[in-house]
Amino acid sequence: MNKIVVVMLVVIAVFLISGVVFKNNELRYNETTEVSIQQGDTLWSIAIEVNNGRYNNQKVVWEIKKLNNLDGGRTHITPGQSIKIPVLEEE
């Protein structure tokens, strides 16, 4: 009987955790803004700054790449370059 209770608690815990981890975390934004790349900026650092922890940072990087036609593995940005970034809605 105790084993059944433990198994049930584990199953419930897995469902609760998976709901948090795999939550639909699609980016929500209605507008973009343009930023000028500074020395030392990366797409990742820009995504973290824009994101402020609300969304998955990788999704923000992908969206910035999509907005700026940075296809494939191309992530090279240079100081002085202007790129579009999403203005993310609050969750």
PDB file of N, CA and C in Angstrom:
ATOM      1  N   MET A   1       0.829  -1.203   0.000  1.00  0.00           N
ATOM      2  CA  MET A   1       0.000   0.000   0.000  1.00  0.00           C
ATOM      3  C   MET A   1       0.868   1.260   0.000  1.00  0.00           C
ATOM      4  N   ASN A   2       1.911   1.288   0.821  1.00  0.00           N
ATOM      5  CA  ASN A   2       2.795   2.455   0.876  1.00  0.00           C
ATOM      6  C   ASN A   2       3.492   2.694  -0.450  1.00  0.00           C
ATOM      7  N   LYS A   3       3.845   1.606  -1.142  1.00  0.00           N
ATOM      8  CA  LYS A   3       4.500   1.747  -2.448  1.00  0.00           C
ATOM      9  C   LYS A   3       3.565   2.405  -3.454  1.00  0.00           C
ATOM     10  N   ILE A   4       2.303   2.062  -3.402  1.00  0.00           N
ATOM     11  CA  ILE A   4       1.322   2.658  -4.315  1.00  0.00           C
ATOM     12  C   ILE A   4       1.193   4.152  -4.048  1.00  0.00           C
ATOM     13  N   VAL A   5       1.154   4.537  -2.789  1.00  0.00           N
ATOM     14  CA  VAL A   5       1.055   5.956  -2.424  1.00  0.00           C
ATOM     15  C   VAL A   5       2.288   6.711  -2.901  1.00  0.00           C
ATOM     16  N   VAL A   6       3.464   6.137  -2.722  1.00  0.00           N
ATOM     17  CA  VAL A   6       4.699   6.778  -3.159  1.00  0.00           C
ATOM     18  C   VAL A   6       4.702   6.928  -4.682  1.00  0.00           C
ATOM     19  N   VAL A   7       4.317   5.886  -5.388  1.00  0.00           N
ATOM     20  CA  VAL A   7       4.270   5.952  -6.856  1.00  0.00           C
ATOM     21  C   VAL A   7       3.289   7.023  -7.310  1.00  0.00           C
ATOM     22  N   MET A   8       2.142   7.093  -6.682  1.00  0.00           N
ATOM     23  CA  MET A   8       1.141   8.107  -7.049  1.00  0.00           C
ATOM     24  C   MET A   8       1.672   9.511  -6.793  1.00  0.00           C
ATOM     25  N   LEU A   9       2.370   9.709  -5.671  1.00  0.00           N
ATOM     26  CA  LEU A   9       2.939  11.025  -5.375  1.00  0.00           C
ATOM     27  C   LEU A   9       4.015  11.396  -6.391  1.00  0.00           C
ATOM     28  N   VAL A  10       4.814  10.428  -6.787  1.00  0.00           N
ATOM     29  CA  VAL A  10       5.847  10.680  -7.801  1.00  0.00           C
ATOM     30  C   VAL A  10       5.199  11.056  -9.128  1.00  0.00           C
ATOM     31  N   VAL A  11       4.173  10.343  -9.529  1.00  0.00           N
ATOM     32  CA  VAL A  11       3.471  10.639 -10.785  1.00  0.00           C
ATOM     33  C   VAL A  11       2.872  12.040 -10.742  1.00  0.00           C
ATOM     34  N   ILE A  12       2.252  12.390  -9.650  1.00  0.00           N
ATOM     35  CA  ILE A  12       1.664  13.735  -9.509  1.00  0.00           C
ATOM     36  C   ILE A  12       2.754  14.796  -9.567  1.00  0.00           C
ATOM     37  N   ALA A  13       3.867  14.547  -8.884  1.00  0.00           N
ATOM     38  CA  ALA A  13       4.981  15.510  -8.892  1.00  0.00           C
ATOM     39  C   ALA A  13       5.526  15.694 -10.300  1.00  0.00           C
ATOM     40  N   VAL A  14       5.669  14.617 -11.052  1.00  0.00           N
ATOM     41  CA  VAL A  14       6.173  14.704 -12.429  1.00  0.00           C
ATOM     42  C   VAL A  14       5.234  15.551 -13.281  1.00  0.00           C
ATOM     43  N   PHE A  15       3.934  15.342 -13.170  1.00  0.00           N
ATOM     44  CA  PHE A  15       2.980  16.141 -13.938  1.00  0.00           C
ATOM     45  C   PHE A  15       3.041  17.615 -13.563  1.00  0.00           C
ATOM     46  N   LEU A  16       3.158  17.901 -12.285  1.00  0.00           N
ATOM     47  CA  LEU A  16       3.240  19.296 -11.853  1.00  0.00           C
ATOM     48  C   LEU A  16       4.512  19.961 -12.354  1.00  0.00           C
ATOM     49  N   ILE A  17       5.635  19.269 -12.239  1.00  0.00           N
ATOM     50  CA  ILE A  17       6.908  19.819 -12.695  1.00  0.00           C
ATOM     51  C   ILE A  17       6.901  19.991 -14.208  1.00  0.00           C
ATOM     52  N   SER A  18       6.391  19.011 -14.938  1.00  0.00           N
ATOM     53  CA  SER A  18       6.378  19.123 -16.399  1.00  0.00           C
ATOM     54  C   SER A  18       5.505  20.284 -16.848  1.00  0.00           C
ATOM     55  N   GLY A  19       4.470  20.587 -16.113  1.00  0.00           N
ATOM     56  CA  GLY A  19       3.639  21.738 -16.447  1.00  0.00           C
ATOM     57  C   GLY A  19       4.395  23.040 -16.342  1.00  0.00           C
ATOM     58  N   VAL A  20       5.301  23.133 -15.384  1.00  0.00           N
ATOM     59  CA  VAL A  20       6.115  24.330 -15.214  1.00  0.00           C
ATOM     60  C   VAL A  20       7.206  24.377 -16.273  1.00  0.00           C
ATOM     61  N   VAL A  21       7.890  23.262 -16.480  1.00  0.00           N
ATOM     62  CA  VAL A  21       9.021  23.217 -17.404  1.00  0.00           C
ATOM     63  C   VAL A  21       8.568  23.359 -18.853  1.00  0.00           C
ATOM     64  N   PHE A  22       7.478  22.696 -19.219  1.00  0.00           N
ATOM     65  CA  PHE A  22       7.047  22.674 -20.612  1.00  0.00           C
ATOM     66  C   PHE A  22       5.883  23.601 -20.895  1.00  0.00           C
ATOM     67  N   LYS A  23       5.658  24.553 -20.039  1.00  0.00           N
ATOM     68  CA  LYS A  23       4.597  25.535 -20.209  1.00  0.00           C
ATOM     69  C   LYS A  23       4.725  26.226 -21.562  1.00  0.00           C
ATOM     70  N   ASN A  24       3.601  26.494 -22.187  1.00  0.00           N
ATOM     71  CA  ASN A  24       3.619  27.208 -23.465  1.00  0.00           C
ATOM     72  C   ASN A  24       4.205  28.585 -23.219  1.00  0.00           C
ATOM     73  N   ASN A  25       5.366  28.791 -23.766  1.00  0.00           N
ATOM     74  CA  ASN A  25       6.123  30.001 -23.472  1.00  0.00           C
ATOM     75  C   ASN A  25       6.389  30.771 -24.769  1.00  0.00           C
ATOM     76  N   GLU A  26       5.358  30.878 -25.606  1.00  0.00           N
ATOM     77  CA  GLU A  26       5.515  31.587 -26.869  1.00  0.00           C
ATOM     78  C   GLU A  26       5.715  33.075 -26.612  1.00  0.00           C
ATOM     79  N   LEU A  27       6.573  33.664 -27.415  1.00  0.00           N
ATOM     80  CA  LEU A  27       6.828  35.101 -27.268  1.00  0.00           C
ATOM     81  C   LEU A  27       5.596  35.885 -27.678  1.00  0.00           C
ATOM     82  N   ARG A  28       5.276  36.872 -26.880  1.00  0.00           N
ATOM     83  CA  ARG A  28       4.150  37.749 -27.210  1.00  0.00           C
ATOM     84  C   ARG A  28       4.682  39.170 -27.334  1.00  0.00           C
ATOM     85  N   TYR A  29       4.515  39.722 -28.533  1.00  0.00           N
ATOM     86  CA  TYR A  29       4.892  41.112 -28.757  1.00  0.00           C
ATOM     87  C   TYR A  29       4.115  41.644 -29.947  1.00  0.00           C
ATOM     88  N   ASN A  30       3.859  42.945 -29.921  1.00  0.00           N
ATOM     89  CA  ASN A  30       3.121  43.586 -31.008  1.00  0.00           C
ATOM     90  C   ASN A  30       3.982  44.552 -31.792  1.00  0.00           C
ATOM     91  N   GLU A  31       5.158  44.842 -31.268  1.00  0.00           N
ATOM     92  CA  GLU A  31       6.022  45.799 -31.946  1.00  0.00           C
ATOM     93  C   GLU A  31       7.481  45.421 -31.776  1.00  0.00           C
ATOM     94  N   THR A  32       8.305  46.060 -32.577  1.00  0.00           N
ATOM     95  CA  THR A  32       9.754  45.880 -32.467  1.00  0.00           C
ATOM     96  C   THR A  32      10.381  47.262 -32.306  1.00  0.00           C
ATOM     97  N   THR A  33      11.613  47.257 -31.867  1.00  0.00           N
ATOM     98  CA  THR A  33      12.378  48.489 -31.792  1.00  0.00           C
ATOM     99  C   THR A  33      13.752  48.190 -32.361  1.00  0.00           C
ATOM    100  N   GLU A  34      14.480  49.213 -32.705  1.00  0.00           N
ATOM    101  CA  GLU A  34      15.808  49.027 -33.261  1.00  0.00           C
ATOM    102  C   GLU A  34      16.850  49.435 -32.237  1.00  0.00           C
ATOM    103  N   VAL A  35      17.901  48.622 -32.139  1.00  0.00           N
ATOM    104  CA  VAL A  35      19.005  48.942 -31.247  1.00  0.00           C
ATOM    105  C   VAL A  35      20.298  48.933 -32.047  1.00  0.00           C
ATOM    106  N   SER A  36      21.238  49.729 -31.600  1.00  0.00           N
ATOM    107  CA  SER A  36      22.564  49.771 -32.205  1.00  0.00           C
ATOM    108  C   SER A  36      23.494  48.877 -31.402  1.00  0.00           C
ATOM    109  N   ILE A  37      24.178  47.994 -32.086  1.00  0.00           N
ATOM    110  CA  ILE A  37      25.075  47.045 -31.433  1.00  0.00           C
ATOM    111  C   ILE A  37      26.294  47.776 -30.884  1.00  0.00           C
ATOM    112  N   GLN A  38      26.620  47.479 -29.637  1.00  0.00           N
ATOM    113  CA  GLN A  38      27.787  48.039 -28.964  1.00  0.00           C
ATOM    114  C   GLN A  38      28.883  46.970 -28.893  1.00  0.00           C
ATOM    115  N   GLN A  39      30.105  47.414 -28.678  1.00  0.00           N
ATOM    116  CA  GLN A  39      31.222  46.487 -28.518  1.00  0.00           C
ATOM    117  C   GLN A  39      30.904  45.483 -27.402  1.00  0.00           C
ATOM    118  N   GLY A  40      31.077  44.209 -27.671  1.00  0.00           N
ATOM    119  CA  GLY A  40      30.840  43.164 -26.674  1.00  0.00           C
ATOM    120  C   GLY A  40      29.433  42.600 -26.678  1.00  0.00           C
ATOM    121  N   ASP A  41      28.505  43.222 -27.405  1.00  0.00           N
ATOM    122  CA  ASP A  41      27.140  42.699 -27.481  1.00  0.00           C
ATOM    123  C   ASP A  41      27.120  41.381 -28.237  1.00  0.00           C
ATOM    124  N   THR A  42      26.263  40.486 -27.787  1.00  0.00           N
ATOM    125  CA  THR A  42      25.975  39.244 -28.502  1.00  0.00           C
ATOM    126  C   THR A  42      24.463  39.111 -28.589  1.00  0.00           C
ATOM    127  N   LEU A  43      23.997  38.241 -29.469  1.00  0.00           N
ATOM    128  CA  LEU A  43      22.548  38.020 -29.531  1.00  0.00           C
ATOM    129  C   LEU A  43      22.045  37.504 -28.186  1.00  0.00           C
ATOM    130  N   TRP A  44      22.850  36.674 -27.538  1.00  0.00           N
ATOM    131  CA  TRP A  44      22.452  36.124 -26.244  1.00  0.00           C
ATOM    132  C   TRP A  44      22.336  37.223 -25.192  1.00  0.00           C
ATOM    133  N   SER A  45      23.322  38.124 -25.136  1.00  0.00           N
ATOM    134  CA  SER A  45      23.273  39.188 -24.119  1.00  0.00           C
ATOM    135  C   SER A  45      22.106  40.144 -24.387  1.00  0.00           C
ATOM    136  N   ILE A  46      21.824  40.394 -25.653  1.00  0.00           N
ATOM    137  CA  ILE A  46      20.685  41.254 -25.997  1.00  0.00           C
ATOM    138  C   ILE A  46      19.380  40.563 -25.609  1.00  0.00           C
ATOM    139  N   ALA A  47      19.286  39.263 -25.888  1.00  0.00           N
ATOM    140  CA  ALA A  47      18.078  38.509 -25.535  1.00  0.00           C
ATOM    141  C   ALA A  47      17.841  38.543 -24.034  1.00  0.00           C
ATOM    142  N   ILE A  48      18.895  38.384 -23.244  1.00  0.00           N
ATOM    143  CA  ILE A  48      18.753  38.421 -21.785  1.00  0.00           C
ATOM    144  C   ILE A  48      18.264  39.795 -21.339  1.00  0.00           C
ATOM    145  N   GLU A  49      18.812  40.842 -21.940  1.00  0.00           N
ATOM    146  CA  GLU A  49      18.411  42.207 -21.564  1.00  0.00           C
ATOM    147  C   GLU A  49      16.955  42.481 -21.929  1.00  0.00           C
ATOM    148  N   VAL A  50      16.553  42.061 -23.117  1.00  0.00           N
ATOM    149  CA  VAL A  50      15.172  42.261 -23.586  1.00  0.00           C
ATOM    150  C   VAL A  50      14.219  41.409 -22.761  1.00  0.00           C
ATOM    151  N   ASN A  51      14.628  40.204 -22.470  1.00  0.00           N
ATOM    152  CA  ASN A  51      13.783  39.203 -21.845  1.00  0.00           C
ATOM    153  C   ASN A  51      13.498  39.486 -20.383  1.00  0.00           C
ATOM    154  N   ASN A  52      14.512  39.804 -19.620  1.00  0.00           N
ATOM    155  CA  ASN A  52      14.368  40.032 -18.186  1.00  0.00           C
ATOM    156  C   ASN A  52      13.774  38.812 -17.469  1.00  0.00           C
ATOM    157  N   GLY A  53      14.081  37.606 -17.995  1.00  0.00           N
ATOM    158  CA  GLY A  53      13.660  36.373 -17.349  1.00  0.00           C
ATOM    159  C   GLY A  53      12.234  35.928 -17.591  1.00  0.00           C
ATOM    160  N   ARG A  54      11.491  36.621 -18.417  1.00  0.00           N
ATOM    161  CA  ARG A  54      10.087  36.255 -18.646  1.00  0.00           C
ATOM    162  C   ARG A  54       9.933  35.054 -19.555  1.00  0.00           C
ATOM    163  N   TYR A  55      10.819  34.910 -20.525  1.00  0.00           N
ATOM    164  CA  TYR A  55      10.696  33.860 -21.526  1.00  0.00           C
ATOM    165  C   TYR A  55      11.993  33.059 -21.595  1.00  0.00           C
ATOM    166  N   ASN A  56      11.965  31.995 -22.360  1.00  0.00           N
ATOM    167  CA  ASN A  56      13.158  31.214 -22.627  1.00  0.00           C
ATOM    168  C   ASN A  56      14.098  32.062 -23.485  1.00  0.00           C
ATOM    169  N   ASN A  57      15.334  32.268 -23.029  1.00  0.00           N
ATOM    170  CA  ASN A  57      16.269  33.140 -23.757  1.00  0.00           C
ATOM    171  C   ASN A  57      16.547  32.648 -25.170  1.00  0.00           C
ATOM    172  N   GLN A  58      16.581  31.330 -25.361  1.00  0.00           N
ATOM    173  CA  GLN A  58      16.841  30.794 -26.702  1.00  0.00           C
ATOM    174  C   GLN A  58      15.733  31.205 -27.668  1.00  0.00           C
ATOM    175  N   LYS A  59      14.482  31.220 -27.203  1.00  0.00           N
ATOM    176  CA  LYS A  59      13.374  31.647 -28.058  1.00  0.00           C
ATOM    177  C   LYS A  59      13.525  33.116 -28.447  1.00  0.00           C
ATOM    178  N   VAL A  60      14.008  33.937 -27.525  1.00  0.00           N
ATOM    179  CA  VAL A  60      14.217  35.351 -27.827  1.00  0.00           C
ATOM    180  C   VAL A  60      15.317  35.501 -28.866  1.00  0.00           C
ATOM    181  N   VAL A  61      16.415  34.734 -28.715  1.00  0.00           N
ATOM    182  CA  VAL A  61      17.499  34.769 -29.720  1.00  0.00           C
ATOM    183  C   VAL A  61      16.953  34.366 -31.078  1.00  0.00           C
ATOM    184  N   TRP A  62      16.179  33.270 -31.135  1.00  0.00           N
ATOM    185  CA  TRP A  62      15.615  32.822 -32.412  1.00  0.00           C
ATOM    186  C   TRP A  62      14.739  33.904 -33.040  1.00  0.00           C
ATOM    187  N   GLU A  63      13.954  34.584 -32.226  1.00  0.00           N
ATOM    188  CA  GLU A  63      13.075  35.630 -32.751  1.00  0.00           C
ATOM    189  C   GLU A  63      13.889  36.801 -33.288  1.00  0.00           C
ATOM    190  N   ILE A  64      14.945  37.197 -32.574  1.00  0.00           N
ATOM    191  CA  ILE A  64      15.812  38.276 -33.060  1.00  0.00           C
ATOM    192  C   ILE A  64      16.455  37.871 -34.377  1.00  0.00           C
ATOM    193  N   LYS A  65      16.910  36.623 -34.465  1.00  0.00           N
ATOM    194  CA  LYS A  65      17.507  36.136 -35.714  1.00  0.00           C
ATOM    195  C   LYS A  65      16.483  36.193 -36.849  1.00  0.00           C
ATOM    196  N   LYS A  66      15.248  35.767 -36.568  1.00  0.00           N
ATOM    197  CA  LYS A  66      14.195  35.778 -37.586  1.00  0.00           C
ATOM    198  C   LYS A  66      13.885  37.210 -38.035  1.00  0.00           C
ATOM    199  N   LEU A  67      13.770  38.126 -37.084  1.00  0.00           N
ATOM    200  CA  LEU A  67      13.451  39.517 -37.414  1.00  0.00           C
ATOM    201  C   LEU A  67      14.531  40.175 -38.280  1.00  0.00           C
ATOM    202  N   ASN A  68      15.770  39.697 -38.145  1.00  0.00           N
ATOM    203  CA  ASN A  68      16.893  40.333 -38.837  1.00  0.00           C
ATOM    204  C   ASN A  68      17.482  39.469 -39.947  1.00  0.00           C
ATOM    205  N   ASN A  69      16.740  38.438 -40.345  1.00  0.00           N
ATOM    206  CA  ASN A  69      17.174  37.544 -41.424  1.00  0.00           C
ATOM    207  C   ASN A  69      18.579  36.990 -41.177  1.00  0.00           C
ATOM    208  N   LEU A  70      18.854  36.629 -39.938  1.00  0.00           N
ATOM    209  CA  LEU A  70      20.118  35.982 -39.587  1.00  0.00           C
ATOM    210  C   LEU A  70      19.851  34.483 -39.635  1.00  0.00           C
ATOM    211  N   ASP A  71      20.008  33.911 -40.810  1.00  0.00           N
ATOM    212  CA  ASP A  71      19.617  32.526 -40.996  1.00  0.00           C
ATOM    213  C   ASP A  71      20.669  31.535 -40.524  1.00  0.00           C
ATOM    214  N   GLY A  72      20.179  30.332 -40.233  1.00  0.00           N
ATOM    215  CA  GLY A  72      21.056  29.236 -39.830  1.00  0.00           C
ATOM    216  C   GLY A  72      21.827  29.549 -38.567  1.00  0.00           C
ATOM    217  N   GLY A  73      23.111  29.191 -38.587  1.00  0.00           N
ATOM    218  CA  GLY A  73      23.957  29.396 -37.425  1.00  0.00           C
ATOM    219  C   GLY A  73      24.568  30.773 -37.364  1.00  0.00           C
ATOM    220  N   ARG A  74      24.243  31.624 -38.332  1.00  0.00           N
ATOM    221  CA  ARG A  74      24.839  32.961 -38.381  1.00  0.00           C
ATOM    222  C   ARG A  74      24.345  33.798 -37.213  1.00  0.00           C
ATOM    223  N   THR A  75      25.255  34.141 -36.342  1.00  0.00           N
ATOM    224  CA  THR A  75      24.894  34.972 -35.191  1.00  0.00           C
ATOM    225  C   THR A  75      25.855  36.135 -35.044  1.00  0.00           C
ATOM    226  N   HIS A  76      26.667  36.363 -36.066  1.00  0.00           N
ATOM    227  CA  HIS A  76      27.670  37.422 -35.984  1.00  0.00           C
ATOM    228  C   HIS A  76      27.016  38.796 -36.138  1.00  0.00           C
ATOM    229  N   ILE A  77      27.219  39.628 -35.136  1.00  0.00           N
ATOM    230  CA  ILE A  77      26.774  41.012 -35.197  1.00  0.00           C
ATOM    231  C   ILE A  77      27.984  41.882 -34.904  1.00  0.00           C
ATOM    232  N   THR A  78      27.970  43.092 -35.447  1.00  0.00           N
ATOM    233  CA  THR A  78      29.135  43.960 -35.303  1.00  0.00           C
ATOM    234  C   THR A  78      28.740  45.301 -34.698  1.00  0.00           C
ATOM    235  N   PRO A  79      29.661  45.910 -33.933  1.00  0.00           N
ATOM    236  CA  PRO A  79      29.377  47.227 -33.345  1.00  0.00           C
ATOM    237  C   PRO A  79      28.979  48.228 -34.437  1.00  0.00           C
ATOM    238  N   GLY A  80      27.962  49.012 -34.134  1.00  0.00           N
ATOM    239  CA  GLY A  80      27.458  50.000 -35.080  1.00  0.00           C
ATOM    240  C   GLY A  80      26.300  49.476 -35.915  1.00  0.00           C
ATOM    241  N   GLN A  81      26.168  48.168 -36.006  1.00  0.00           N
ATOM    242  CA  GLN A  81      25.067  47.560 -36.752  1.00  0.00           C
ATOM    243  C   GLN A  81      23.764  47.811 -36.002  1.00  0.00           C
ATOM    244  N   SER A  82      22.681  48.053 -36.720  1.00  0.00           N
ATOM    245  CA  SER A  82      21.361  48.203 -36.108  1.00  0.00           C
ATOM    246  C   SER A  82      20.562  46.936 -36.358  1.00  0.00           C
ATOM    247  N   ILE A  83      19.909  46.451 -35.315  1.00  0.00           N
ATOM    248  CA  ILE A  83      19.051  45.278 -35.463  1.00  0.00           C
ATOM    249  C   ILE A  83      17.701  45.542 -34.805  1.00  0.00           C
ATOM    250  N   LYS A  84      16.694  44.811 -35.288  1.00  0.00           N
ATOM    251  CA  LYS A  84      15.360  44.877 -34.693  1.00  0.00           C
ATOM    252  C   LYS A  84      15.289  43.883 -33.547  1.00  0.00           C
ATOM    253  N   ILE A  85      14.626  44.288 -32.467  1.00  0.00           N
ATOM    254  CA  ILE A  85      14.366  43.384 -31.358  1.00  0.00           C
ATOM    255  C   ILE A  85      12.894  43.492 -30.976  1.00  0.00           C
ATOM    256  N   PRO A  86      12.308  42.395 -30.485  1.00  0.00           N
ATOM    257  CA  PRO A  86      10.915  42.456 -30.091  1.00  0.00           C
ATOM    258  C   PRO A  86      10.739  43.202 -28.779  1.00  0.00           C
ATOM    259  N   VAL A  87       9.646  43.942 -28.688  1.00  0.00           N
ATOM    260  CA  VAL A  87       9.261  44.564 -27.416  1.00  0.00           C
ATOM    261  C   VAL A  87       8.263  43.606 -26.794  1.00  0.00           C
ATOM    262  N   LEU A  88       8.751  42.792 -25.860  1.00  0.00           N
ATOM    263  CA  LEU A  88       7.963  41.694 -25.311  1.00  0.00           C
ATOM    264  C   LEU A  88       6.891  42.175 -24.348  1.00  0.00           C
ATOM    265  N   GLU A  89       5.735  41.532 -24.439  1.00  0.00           N
ATOM    266  CA  GLU A  89       4.635  41.835 -23.513  1.00  0.00           C
ATOM    267  C   GLU A  89       4.929  41.173 -22.179  1.00  0.00           C
ATOM    268  N   GLU A  90       4.400  41.750 -21.119  1.00  0.00           N
ATOM    269  CA  GLU A  90       4.511  41.147 -19.790  1.00  0.00           C
ATOM    270  C   GLU A  90       3.637  39.897 -19.751  1.00  0.00           C
ATOM    271  N   GLU A  91       4.066  38.913 -18.974  1.00  0.00           N
ATOM    272  CA  GLU A  91       3.242  37.696 -18.817  1.00  0.00           C
ATOM    273  C   GLU A  91       2.216  37.914 -17.750  1.00  0.00           C
TER     274      GLU A  91
END
